[in-house]
Amino acid sequence: MTTDIKGIHLEISQRTRDYIEKKLPRISFAEDLVTDLLLALSREKRLYHLDATVNFRWGSSTHIHVENFKLTEGIDALFDKLEPKIEKEKEKVQDHHKKAPVALPAEQGDGA
């Protein structure tokens, strides 16, 4: 899983990067499912805007947006939303694979 953190009109400090890295184990259950985790942090006056885009290995992607006046609380809220969203997508794919059609013996062709 590739993680990209960028600041839009905001300098991302090493302390903020470390805080985000500390939160990543919360979604470690999906490391083999997620190809990219793109985090964009921006600040507008005193309000922080946090956006996360998750790209899955089967081509699907999801986007999450959080606003908060405190950066660390915003990061916590972002991961609070991110974790169930990834879990839901994982379950959708697993359910899809369980419902895959199985060929009937008569359709397999018996060479007659």
Protein backbone atom coordinates (compact mmCIF):
# COMPACT_ATOMS: atom_id res chain seq x y z
CA MET A 1 0.00 0.00 0.00
CA THR A 2 1.41 3.33 -1.07
CA THR A 3 0.65 6.28 1.20
CA ASP A 4 0.93 9.82 -0.12
CA ILE A 5 0.43 12.81 2.17
CA LYS A 6 0.28 16.27 0.68
CA GLY A 7 -0.57 19.69 2.00
CA ILE A 8 -2.53 22.20 -0.01
CA HIS A 9 -1.67 25.70 1.23
CA LEU A 10 -0.31 23.95 4.31
CA GLU A 11 3.14 22.74 5.33
CA ILE A 12 2.99 19.12 6.53
CA SER A 13 5.30 18.87 9.53
CA GLN A 14 7.20 15.73 10.46
CA ARG A 15 5.11 15.57 13.63
CA THR A 16 1.90 15.42 11.54
CA ARG A 17 3.42 12.76 9.25
CA ASP A 18 4.40 10.70 12.31
CA TYR A 19 0.89 11.05 13.74
CA ILE A 20 -0.64 9.79 10.49
CA GLU A 21 1.88 6.92 10.31
CA LYS A 22 0.84 5.97 13.85
CA LYS A 23 -2.80 5.74 12.67
CA LEU A 24 -2.08 3.54 9.61
CA PRO A 25 -2.11 0.22 11.56
CA ARG A 26 -5.87 0.77 12.01
CA ILE A 27 -6.31 -0.12 8.33
CA SER A 28 -3.54 -2.73 8.14
CA PHE A 29 -6.21 -5.43 7.69
CA ALA A 30 -6.65 -4.13 4.14
CA GLU A 31 -3.01 -3.73 3.07
CA ASP A 32 -3.38 -6.40 0.39
CA LEU A 33 -6.62 -4.80 -0.91
CA VAL A 34 -5.55 -1.15 -1.08
CA THR A 35 -3.03 0.00 -3.66
CA ASP A 36 -2.96 3.73 -2.82
CA LEU A 37 -3.98 5.88 0.11
CA LEU A 38 -3.85 9.53 -0.88
CA LEU A 39 -4.27 12.09 1.91
CA ALA A 40 -4.70 15.79 1.15
CA LEU A 41 -4.68 18.23 4.05
CA SER A 42 -5.58 21.88 3.65
CA ARG A 43 -6.35 24.79 5.90
CA GLU A 44 -8.82 27.59 5.33
CA LYS A 45 -8.49 30.21 8.05
CA ARG A 46 -8.80 28.09 11.20
CA LEU A 47 -10.65 25.14 9.64
CA TYR A 48 -8.75 22.08 8.44
CA HIS A 49 -10.05 20.11 5.45
CA LEU A 50 -8.88 16.50 5.29
CA ASP A 51 -9.52 14.38 2.21
CA ALA A 52 -8.64 10.73 1.70
CA THR A 53 -8.84 8.82 -1.55
CA VAL A 54 -8.45 5.05 -1.38
CA ASN A 55 -7.70 3.12 -4.57
CA PHE A 56 -8.44 -0.59 -4.40
CA ARG A 57 -6.62 -3.24 -6.41
CA TRP A 58 -9.78 -4.16 -8.36
CA GLY A 59 -10.06 -0.66 -9.79
CA SER A 60 -12.59 0.81 -7.41
CA SER A 61 -11.90 3.92 -5.37
CA THR A 62 -13.58 5.79 -2.55
CA HIS A 63 -13.29 9.32 -1.22
CA ILE A 64 -13.74 10.62 2.33
CA HIS A 65 -13.86 14.25 3.47
CA VAL A 66 -13.62 15.57 7.04
CA GLU A 67 -13.50 19.11 8.43
CA ASN A 68 -12.27 20.03 11.89
CA PHE A 69 -10.76 22.96 13.74
CA LYS A 70 -8.01 20.77 15.23
CA LEU A 71 -5.73 18.84 12.91
CA THR A 72 -5.19 15.81 15.16
CA GLU A 73 -8.91 15.47 15.87
CA GLY A 74 -9.56 15.74 12.14
CA ILE A 75 -7.05 12.96 11.42
CA ASP A 76 -8.72 10.80 14.07
CA ALA A 77 -12.15 11.48 12.54
CA LEU A 78 -10.82 10.70 9.07
CA PHE A 79 -9.52 7.30 10.17
CA ASP A 80 -12.78 6.70 12.09
CA LYS A 81 -14.62 7.05 8.76
CA LEU A 82 -11.94 5.35 6.68
CA GLU A 83 -11.84 2.09 8.61
CA PRO A 84 -15.54 1.10 8.19
CA LYS A 85 -15.56 2.34 4.58
CA ILE A 86 -12.68 0.02 3.66
CA GLU A 87 -14.29 -2.82 5.60
CA LYS A 88 -17.58 -2.32 3.72
CA GLU A 89 -15.82 -2.33 0.34
CA LYS A 90 -13.92 -5.48 1.35
CA GLU A 91 -17.19 -7.22 2.28
CA LYS A 92 -18.82 -6.18 -1.01
CA VAL A 93 -16.01 -7.78 -2.98
CA GLN A 94 -16.04 -10.93 -0.85
CA ASP A 95 -19.83 -11.23 -1.26
CA HIS A 96 -19.47 -10.75 -5.00
CA HIS A 97 -16.97 -13.60 -5.21
CA LYS A 98 -19.23 -15.88 -3.18
CA LYS A 99 -22.10 -15.28 -5.61
CA ALA A 100 -20.05 -16.06 -8.72
CA PRO A 101 -21.98 -18.37 -11.05
CA VAL A 102 -20.91 -21.98 -11.10
CA ALA A 103 -21.15 -23.93 -14.36
CA LEU A 104 -23.65 -26.77 -14.24
CA PRO A 105 -22.37 -30.28 -15.17
CA ALA A 106 -24.61 -30.35 -18.28
CA GLU A 107 -23.08 -27.07 -19.54
CA GLN A 108 -19.50 -28.28 -19.29
CA GLY A 109 -19.88 -30.36 -22.40
CA ASP A 110 -19.56 -34.13 -22.31
CA GLY A 111 -18.20 -34.46 -25.85
CA ALA A 112 -21.33 -36.08 -27.33
